[in-house]
Amino acid sequence: MSEFDAQSIAASLKSESRIRRKPRTYAQRRSLLDNYKYELLQLDAAGCNGSELRRWIADDKGITVERSTVNRWLHRNRQHG
């Protein structure tokens, strides 16, 4: 009866996962909100908050996102300085 070597099996599985893992494509990194960047940034500059922007994108564009997603997107795309 052979001995079970969890460490070597785990190492083998992990190296195989690295090979199988697909890199993200450009399309996967883009947000649906990027399509409305100009409008969202203009509304943000006009004083709309994340909830209001979420409601606008849902009502006018038919895209359902969470408020936190809009806030994260704004944080990444605002012109700081």
PDB file of N, CA and C in Angstrom:
ATOM      1  N   MET A   1       0.841  -1.180   0.000  1.00  0.00           N
ATOM      2  CA  MET A   1       0.000   0.000   0.000  1.00  0.00           C
ATOM      3  C   MET A   1       0.887   1.244   0.000  1.00  0.00           C
ATOM      4  N   SER A   2       0.675   2.132  -0.961  1.00  0.00           N
ATOM      5  CA  SER A   2       1.515   3.326  -1.048  1.00  0.00           C
ATOM      6  C   SER A   2       0.988   4.416  -0.109  1.00  0.00           C
ATOM      7  N   GLU A   3       1.904   5.286   0.266  1.00  0.00           N
ATOM      8  CA  GLU A   3       1.555   6.353   1.200  1.00  0.00           C
ATOM      9  C   GLU A   3       0.985   7.554   0.446  1.00  0.00           C
ATOM     10  N   PHE A   4      -0.017   8.165   1.007  1.00  0.00           N
ATOM     11  CA  PHE A   4      -0.661   9.349   0.425  1.00  0.00           C
ATOM     12  C   PHE A   4       0.183  10.579   0.739  1.00  0.00           C
ATOM     13  N   ASP A   5       0.618  11.306  -0.306  1.00  0.00           N
ATOM     14  CA  ASP A   5       1.450  12.495  -0.127  1.00  0.00           C
ATOM     15  C   ASP A   5       0.651  13.732  -0.555  1.00  0.00           C
ATOM     16  N   ALA A   6      -0.037  14.323   0.404  1.00  0.00           N
ATOM     17  CA  ALA A   6      -0.902  15.467   0.119  1.00  0.00           C
ATOM     18  C   ALA A   6      -0.128  16.657  -0.432  1.00  0.00           C
ATOM     19  N   GLN A   7       1.075  16.874   0.051  1.00  0.00           N
ATOM     20  CA  GLN A   7       1.872  18.021  -0.386  1.00  0.00           C
ATOM     21  C   GLN A   7       2.217  17.944  -1.870  1.00  0.00           C
ATOM     22  N   SER A   8       2.660  16.794  -2.331  1.00  0.00           N
ATOM     23  CA  SER A   8       3.035  16.673  -3.747  1.00  0.00           C
ATOM     24  C   SER A   8       1.800  16.723  -4.647  1.00  0.00           C
ATOM     25  N   ILE A   9       0.684  16.157  -4.193  1.00  0.00           N
ATOM     26  CA  ILE A   9      -0.550  16.213  -4.975  1.00  0.00           C
ATOM     27  C   ILE A   9      -1.037  17.656  -5.063  1.00  0.00           C
ATOM     28  N   ALA A  10      -1.000  18.381  -3.936  1.00  0.00           N
ATOM     29  CA  ALA A  10      -1.426  19.783  -3.930  1.00  0.00           C
ATOM     30  C   ALA A  10      -0.549  20.616  -4.852  1.00  0.00           C
ATOM     31  N   ALA A  11       0.766  20.397  -4.814  1.00  0.00           N
ATOM     32  CA  ALA A  11       1.685  21.133  -5.687  1.00  0.00           C
ATOM     33  C   ALA A  11       1.383  20.849  -7.150  1.00  0.00           C
ATOM     34  N   SER A  12       1.101  19.616  -7.461  1.00  0.00           N
ATOM     35  CA  SER A  12       0.771  19.233  -8.835  1.00  0.00           C
ATOM     36  C   SER A  12      -0.523  19.901  -9.295  1.00  0.00           C
ATOM     37  N   LEU A  13      -1.545  19.885  -8.434  1.00  0.00           N
ATOM     38  CA  LEU A  13      -2.828  20.516  -8.774  1.00  0.00           C
ATOM     39  C   LEU A  13      -2.673  22.017  -8.972  1.00  0.00           C
ATOM     40  N   LYS A  14      -1.888  22.661  -8.108  1.00  0.00           N
ATOM     41  CA  LYS A  14      -1.690  24.101  -8.221  1.00  0.00           C
ATOM     42  C   LYS A  14      -0.952  24.472  -9.506  1.00  0.00           C
ATOM     43  N   SER A  15       0.066  23.708  -9.875  1.00  0.00           N
ATOM     44  CA  SER A  15       0.791  24.011 -11.112  1.00  0.00           C
ATOM     45  C   SER A  15      -0.103  23.784 -12.327  1.00  0.00           C
ATOM     46  N   GLU A  16      -0.953  22.758 -12.267  1.00  0.00           N
ATOM     47  CA  GLU A  16      -1.894  22.511 -13.356  1.00  0.00           C
ATOM     48  C   GLU A  16      -2.916  23.642 -13.462  1.00  0.00           C
ATOM     49  N   SER A  17      -3.355  24.206 -12.332  1.00  0.00           N
ATOM     50  CA  SER A  17      -4.308  25.312 -12.340  1.00  0.00           C
ATOM     51  C   SER A  17      -3.712  26.532 -13.019  1.00  0.00           C
ATOM     52  N   ARG A  18      -2.430  26.787 -12.780  1.00  0.00           N
ATOM     53  CA  ARG A  18      -1.775  27.933 -13.412  1.00  0.00           C
ATOM     54  C   ARG A  18      -1.760  27.789 -14.926  1.00  0.00           C
ATOM     55  N   ILE A  19      -1.591  26.569 -15.403  1.00  0.00           N
ATOM     56  CA  ILE A  19      -1.564  26.309 -16.840  1.00  0.00           C
ATOM     57  C   ILE A  19      -2.967  26.452 -17.432  1.00  0.00           C
ATOM     58  N   ARG A  20      -3.972  25.965 -16.730  1.00  0.00           N
ATOM     59  CA  ARG A  20      -5.347  25.991 -17.228  1.00  0.00           C
ATOM     60  C   ARG A  20      -5.995  27.364 -17.153  1.00  0.00           C
ATOM     61  N   ARG A  21      -5.552  28.189 -16.220  1.00  0.00           N
ATOM     62  CA  ARG A  21      -6.176  29.485 -16.002  1.00  0.00           C
ATOM     63  C   ARG A  21      -6.019  30.355 -17.244  1.00  0.00           C
ATOM     64  N   LYS A  22      -7.116  30.923 -17.696  1.00  0.00           N
ATOM     65  CA  LYS A  22      -7.083  31.775 -18.878  1.00  0.00           C
ATOM     66  C   LYS A  22      -6.851  33.223 -18.448  1.00  0.00           C
ATOM     67  N   PRO A  23      -6.010  33.937 -19.178  1.00  0.00           N
ATOM     68  CA  PRO A  23      -5.845  35.355 -18.857  1.00  0.00           C
ATOM     69  C   PRO A  23      -7.109  36.121 -19.228  1.00  0.00           C
ATOM     70  N   ARG A  24      -7.369  37.179 -18.523  1.00  0.00           N
ATOM     71  CA  ARG A  24      -8.534  38.001 -18.830  1.00  0.00           C
ATOM     72  C   ARG A  24      -8.317  38.743 -20.136  1.00  0.00           C
ATOM     73  N   THR A  25      -9.373  38.849 -20.900  1.00  0.00           N
ATOM     74  CA  THR A  25      -9.282  39.597 -22.144  1.00  0.00           C
ATOM     75  C   THR A  25      -9.632  41.049 -21.865  1.00  0.00           C
ATOM     76  N   TYR A  26      -9.383  41.893 -22.831  1.00  0.00           N
ATOM     77  CA  TYR A  26      -9.685  43.311 -22.679  1.00  0.00           C
ATOM     78  C   TYR A  26     -11.165  43.517 -22.398  1.00  0.00           C
ATOM     79  N   ALA A  27     -12.014  42.780 -23.100  1.00  0.00           N
ATOM     80  CA  ALA A  27     -13.465  42.939 -22.927  1.00  0.00           C
ATOM     81  C   ALA A  27     -13.902  42.584 -21.515  1.00  0.00           C
ATOM     82  N   GLN A  28     -13.229  41.628 -20.877  1.00  0.00           N
ATOM     83  CA  GLN A  28     -13.605  41.242 -19.523  1.00  0.00           C
ATOM     84  C   GLN A  28     -13.212  42.320 -18.517  1.00  0.00           C
ATOM     85  N   ARG A  29     -12.210  43.113 -18.811  1.00  0.00           N
ATOM     86  CA  ARG A  29     -11.776  44.159 -17.886  1.00  0.00           C
ATOM     87  C   ARG A  29     -12.613  45.418 -18.017  1.00  0.00           C
ATOM     88  N   ARG A  30     -13.322  45.570 -19.126  1.00  0.00           N
ATOM     89  CA  ARG A  30     -14.122  46.764 -19.346  1.00  0.00           C
ATOM     90  C   ARG A  30     -15.453  46.643 -18.607  1.00  0.00           C
ATOM     91  N   SER A  31     -15.922  47.758 -18.139  1.00  0.00           N
ATOM     92  CA  SER A  31     -17.208  47.805 -17.462  1.00  0.00           C
ATOM     93  C   SER A  31     -18.264  48.273 -18.454  1.00  0.00           C
ATOM     94  N   LEU A  32     -19.502  47.839 -18.247  1.00  0.00           N
ATOM     95  CA  LEU A  32     -20.602  48.375 -19.056  1.00  0.00           C
ATOM     96  C   LEU A  32     -20.736  49.878 -18.840  1.00  0.00           C
ATOM     97  N   LEU A  33     -20.329  50.344 -17.674  1.00  0.00           N
ATOM     98  CA  LEU A  33     -20.418  51.771 -17.375  1.00  0.00           C
ATOM     99  C   LEU A  33     -19.458  52.586 -18.236  1.00  0.00           C
ATOM    100  N   ASP A  34     -18.396  51.950 -18.741  1.00  0.00           N
ATOM    101  CA  ASP A  34     -17.447  52.655 -19.601  1.00  0.00           C
ATOM    102  C   ASP A  34     -18.119  53.198 -20.857  1.00  0.00           C
ATOM    103  N   ASN A  35     -19.182  52.537 -21.300  1.00  0.00           N
ATOM    104  CA  ASN A  35     -19.906  53.002 -22.490  1.00  0.00           C
ATOM    105  C   ASN A  35     -20.594  54.342 -22.257  1.00  0.00           C
ATOM    106  N   TYR A  36     -20.793  54.705 -21.010  1.00  0.00           N
ATOM    107  CA  TYR A  36     -21.487  55.951 -20.663  1.00  0.00           C
ATOM    108  C   TYR A  36     -20.591  56.864 -19.830  1.00  0.00           C
ATOM    109  N   LYS A  37     -19.296  56.763 -20.050  1.00  0.00           N
ATOM    110  CA  LYS A  37     -18.317  57.499 -19.247  1.00  0.00           C
ATOM    111  C   LYS A  37     -18.579  59.000 -19.268  1.00  0.00           C
ATOM    112  N   TYR A  38     -18.754  59.555 -20.456  1.00  0.00           N
ATOM    113  CA  TYR A  38     -18.956  60.996 -20.574  1.00  0.00           C
ATOM    114  C   TYR A  38     -20.182  61.442 -19.782  1.00  0.00           C
ATOM    115  N   GLU A  39     -21.298  60.748 -19.978  1.00  0.00           N
ATOM    116  CA  GLU A  39     -22.538  61.128 -19.300  1.00  0.00           C
ATOM    117  C   GLU A  39     -22.417  60.988 -17.783  1.00  0.00           C
ATOM    118  N   LEU A  40     -21.850  59.866 -17.334  1.00  0.00           N
ATOM    119  CA  LEU A  40     -21.725  59.627 -15.886  1.00  0.00           C
ATOM    120  C   LEU A  40     -20.827  60.672 -15.228  1.00  0.00           C
ATOM    121  N   LEU A  41     -19.716  61.004 -15.874  1.00  0.00           N
ATOM    122  CA  LEU A  41     -18.815  61.999 -15.289  1.00  0.00           C
ATOM    123  C   LEU A  41     -19.437  63.390 -15.300  1.00  0.00           C
ATOM    124  N   GLN A  42     -20.225  63.702 -16.322  1.00  0.00           N
ATOM    125  CA  GLN A  42     -20.911  64.997 -16.365  1.00  0.00           C
ATOM    126  C   GLN A  42     -21.969  65.083 -15.255  1.00  0.00           C
ATOM    127  N   LEU A  43     -22.735  64.011 -15.063  1.00  0.00           N
ATOM    128  CA  LEU A  43     -23.735  63.986 -13.996  1.00  0.00           C
ATOM    129  C   LEU A  43     -23.067  64.043 -12.624  1.00  0.00           C
ATOM    130  N   ASP A  44     -21.933  63.384 -12.479  1.00  0.00           N
ATOM    131  CA  ASP A  44     -21.171  63.441 -11.231  1.00  0.00           C
ATOM    132  C   ASP A  44     -20.718  64.875 -10.956  1.00  0.00           C
ATOM    133  N   ALA A  45     -20.203  65.540 -11.984  1.00  0.00           N
ATOM    134  CA  ALA A  45     -19.752  66.925 -11.836  1.00  0.00           C
ATOM    135  C   ALA A  45     -20.919  67.857 -11.520  1.00  0.00           C
ATOM    136  N   ALA A  46     -22.121  67.482 -11.964  1.00  0.00           N
ATOM    137  CA  ALA A  46     -23.309  68.293 -11.692  1.00  0.00           C
ATOM    138  C   ALA A  46     -23.872  68.036 -10.299  1.00  0.00           C
ATOM    139  N   GLY A  47     -23.259  67.089  -9.554  1.00  0.00           N
ATOM    140  CA  GLY A  47     -23.651  66.886  -8.169  1.00  0.00           C
ATOM    141  C   GLY A  47     -24.468  65.643  -7.877  1.00  0.00           C
ATOM    142  N   CYS A  48     -24.650  64.769  -8.854  1.00  0.00           N
ATOM    143  CA  CYS A  48     -25.405  63.532  -8.602  1.00  0.00           C
ATOM    144  C   CYS A  48     -24.559  62.561  -7.787  1.00  0.00           C
ATOM    145  N   ASN A  49     -25.217  61.848  -6.870  1.00  0.00           N
ATOM    146  CA  ASN A  49     -24.501  60.842  -6.084  1.00  0.00           C
ATOM    147  C   ASN A  49     -24.634  59.468  -6.747  1.00  0.00           C
ATOM    148  N   GLY A  50     -23.985  58.460  -6.151  1.00  0.00           N
ATOM    149  CA  GLY A  50     -23.978  57.119  -6.721  1.00  0.00           C
ATOM    150  C   GLY A  50     -25.360  56.520  -6.886  1.00  0.00           C
ATOM    151  N   SER A  51     -26.250  56.762  -5.939  1.00  0.00           N
ATOM    152  CA  SER A  51     -27.611  56.225  -6.032  1.00  0.00           C
ATOM    153  C   SER A  51     -28.368  56.853  -7.195  1.00  0.00           C
ATOM    154  N   GLU A  52     -28.199  58.142  -7.372  1.00  0.00           N
ATOM    155  CA  GLU A  52     -28.871  58.833  -8.472  1.00  0.00           C
ATOM    156  C   GLU A  52     -28.322  58.376  -9.820  1.00  0.00           C
ATOM    157  N   LEU A  53     -27.008  58.180  -9.893  1.00  0.00           N
ATOM    158  CA  LEU A  53     -26.405  57.699 -11.130  1.00  0.00           C
ATOM    159  C   LEU A  53     -26.849  56.261 -11.432  1.00  0.00           C
ATOM    160  N   ARG A  54     -26.942  55.437 -10.392  1.00  0.00           N
ATOM    161  CA  ARG A  54     -27.414  54.065 -10.573  1.00  0.00           C
ATOM    162  C   ARG A  54     -28.844  54.066 -11.110  1.00  0.00           C
ATOM    163  N   ARG A  55     -29.683  54.926 -10.566  1.00  0.00           N
ATOM    164  CA  ARG A  55     -31.069  55.018 -11.004  1.00  0.00           C
ATOM    165  C   ARG A  55     -31.150  55.497 -12.460  1.00  0.00           C
ATOM    166  N   TRP A  56     -30.306  56.479 -12.830  1.00  0.00           N
ATOM    167  CA  TRP A  56     -30.296  56.985 -14.199  1.00  0.00           C
ATOM    168  C   TRP A  56     -29.878  55.886 -15.176  1.00  0.00           C
ATOM    169  N   ILE A  57     -28.805  55.163 -14.847  1.00  0.00           N
ATOM    170  CA  ILE A  57     -28.307  54.127 -15.765  1.00  0.00           C
ATOM    171  C   ILE A  57     -29.316  52.984 -15.879  1.00  0.00           C
ATOM    172  N   ALA A  58     -30.068  52.726 -14.811  1.00  0.00           N
ATOM    173  CA  ALA A  58     -31.098  51.671 -14.853  1.00  0.00           C
ATOM    174  C   ALA A  58     -32.305  52.126 -15.656  1.00  0.00           C
ATOM    175  N   ASP A  59     -32.793  53.341 -15.392  1.00  0.00           N
ATOM    176  CA  ASP A  59     -34.010  53.828 -16.047  1.00  0.00           C
ATOM    177  C   ASP A  59     -33.786  54.170 -17.520  1.00  0.00           C
ATOM    178  N   ASP A  60     -32.707  54.879 -17.813  1.00  0.00           N
ATOM    179  CA  ASP A  60     -32.479  55.347 -19.183  1.00  0.00           C
ATOM    180  C   ASP A  60     -31.767  54.343 -20.071  1.00  0.00           C
ATOM    181  N   LYS A  61     -30.876  53.557 -19.509  1.00  0.00           N
ATOM    182  CA  LYS A  61     -30.062  52.656 -20.321  1.00  0.00           C
ATOM    183  C   LYS A  61     -30.395  51.185 -20.119  1.00  0.00           C
ATOM    184  N   GLY A  62     -31.198  50.865 -19.105  1.00  0.00           N
ATOM    185  CA  GLY A  62     -31.604  49.486 -18.872  1.00  0.00           C
ATOM    186  C   GLY A  62     -30.511  48.602 -18.289  1.00  0.00           C
ATOM    187  N   ILE A  63     -29.525  49.202 -17.635  1.00  0.00           N
ATOM    188  CA  ILE A  63     -28.428  48.442 -17.040  1.00  0.00           C
ATOM    189  C   ILE A  63     -28.608  48.434 -15.531  1.00  0.00           C
ATOM    190  N   THR A  64     -28.699  47.256 -14.947  1.00  0.00           N
ATOM    191  CA  THR A  64     -28.863  47.125 -13.507  1.00  0.00           C
ATOM    192  C   THR A  64     -27.503  46.874 -12.866  1.00  0.00           C
ATOM    193  N   VAL A  65     -27.080  47.809 -12.034  1.00  0.00           N
ATOM    194  CA  VAL A  65     -25.827  47.664 -11.282  1.00  0.00           C
ATOM    195  C   VAL A  65     -26.081  48.105  -9.847  1.00  0.00           C
ATOM    196  N   GLU A  66     -25.213  47.702  -8.958  1.00  0.00           N
ATOM    197  CA  GLU A  66     -25.309  48.126  -7.566  1.00  0.00           C
ATOM    198  C   GLU A  66     -24.702  49.523  -7.406  1.00  0.00           C
ATOM    199  N   ARG A  67     -25.157  50.225  -6.410  1.00  0.00           N
ATOM    200  CA  ARG A  67     -24.636  51.562  -6.117  1.00  0.00           C
ATOM    201  C   ARG A  67     -23.141  51.511  -5.851  1.00  0.00           C
ATOM    202  N   SER A  68     -22.693  50.466  -5.155  1.00  0.00           N
ATOM    203  CA  SER A  68     -21.267  50.353  -4.849  1.00  0.00           C
ATOM    204  C   SER A  68     -20.437  50.192  -6.128  1.00  0.00           C
ATOM    205  N   THR A  69     -20.992  49.535  -7.135  1.00  0.00           N
ATOM    206  CA  THR A  69     -20.295  49.388  -8.411  1.00  0.00           C
ATOM    207  C   THR A  69     -20.128  50.753  -9.067  1.00  0.00           C
ATOM    208  N   VAL A  70     -21.190  51.549  -9.038  1.00  0.00           N
ATOM    209  CA  VAL A  70     -21.116  52.905  -9.607  1.00  0.00           C
ATOM    210  C   VAL A  70     -20.084  53.728  -8.842  1.00  0.00           C
ATOM    211  N   ASN A  71     -20.094  53.634  -7.519  1.00  0.00           N
ATOM    212  CA  ASN A  71     -19.140  54.408  -6.718  1.00  0.00           C
ATOM    213  C   ASN A  71     -17.700  53.981  -6.993  1.00  0.00           C
ATOM    214  N   ARG A  72     -17.452  52.674  -7.122  1.00  0.00           N
ATOM    215  CA  ARG A  72     -16.099  52.198  -7.453  1.00  0.00           C
ATOM    216  C   ARG A  72     -15.684  52.689  -8.828  1.00  0.00           C
ATOM    217  N   TRP A  73     -16.605  52.646  -9.789  1.00  0.00           N
ATOM    218  CA  TRP A  73     -16.317  53.108 -11.140  1.00  0.00           C
ATOM    219  C   TRP A  73     -15.980  54.592 -11.122  1.00  0.00           C
ATOM    220  N   LEU A  74     -16.767  55.367 -10.376  1.00  0.00           N
ATOM    221  CA  LEU A  74     -16.501  56.813 -10.273  1.00  0.00           C
ATOM    222  C   LEU A  74     -15.125  57.071  -9.670  1.00  0.00           C
ATOM    223  N   HIS A  75     -14.808  56.343  -8.628  1.00  0.00           N
ATOM    224  CA  HIS A  75     -13.520  56.529  -7.960  1.00  0.00           C
ATOM    225  C   HIS A  75     -12.360  56.275  -8.930  1.00  0.00           C
ATOM    226  N   ARG A  76     -12.505  55.265  -9.789  1.00  0.00           N
ATOM    227  CA  ARG A  76     -11.450  54.944 -10.756  1.00  0.00           C
ATOM    228  C   ARG A  76     -11.394  55.939 -11.915  1.00  0.00           C
ATOM    229  N   ASN A  77     -12.524  56.564 -12.260  1.00  0.00           N
ATOM    230  CA  ASN A  77     -12.590  57.357 -13.488  1.00  0.00           C
ATOM    231  C   ASN A  77     -12.644  58.864 -13.282  1.00  0.00           C
ATOM    232  N   ARG A  78     -12.823  59.325 -12.074  1.00  0.00           N
ATOM    233  CA  ARG A  78     -12.816  60.769 -11.827  1.00  0.00           C
ATOM    234  C   ARG A  78     -11.443  61.347 -12.097  1.00  0.00           C
ATOM    235  N   GLN A  79     -11.417  62.580 -12.551  1.00  0.00           N
ATOM    236  CA  GLN A  79     -10.142  63.282 -12.750  1.00  0.00           C
ATOM    237  C   GLN A  79      -9.718  63.866 -11.419  1.00  0.00           C
ATOM    238  N   HIS A  80      -8.716  63.263 -10.798  1.00  0.00           N
ATOM    239  CA  HIS A  80      -8.226  63.767  -9.517  1.00  0.00           C
ATOM    240  C   HIS A  80      -7.143  64.793  -9.783  1.00  0.00           C
ATOM    241  N   GLY A  81      -7.151  65.827  -8.998  1.00  0.00           N
ATOM    242  CA  GLY A  81      -6.079  66.778  -9.164  1.00  0.00           C
ATOM    243  C   GLY A  81      -6.584  68.103  -9.017  1.00  0.00           C
TER     244      GLY A  81
END
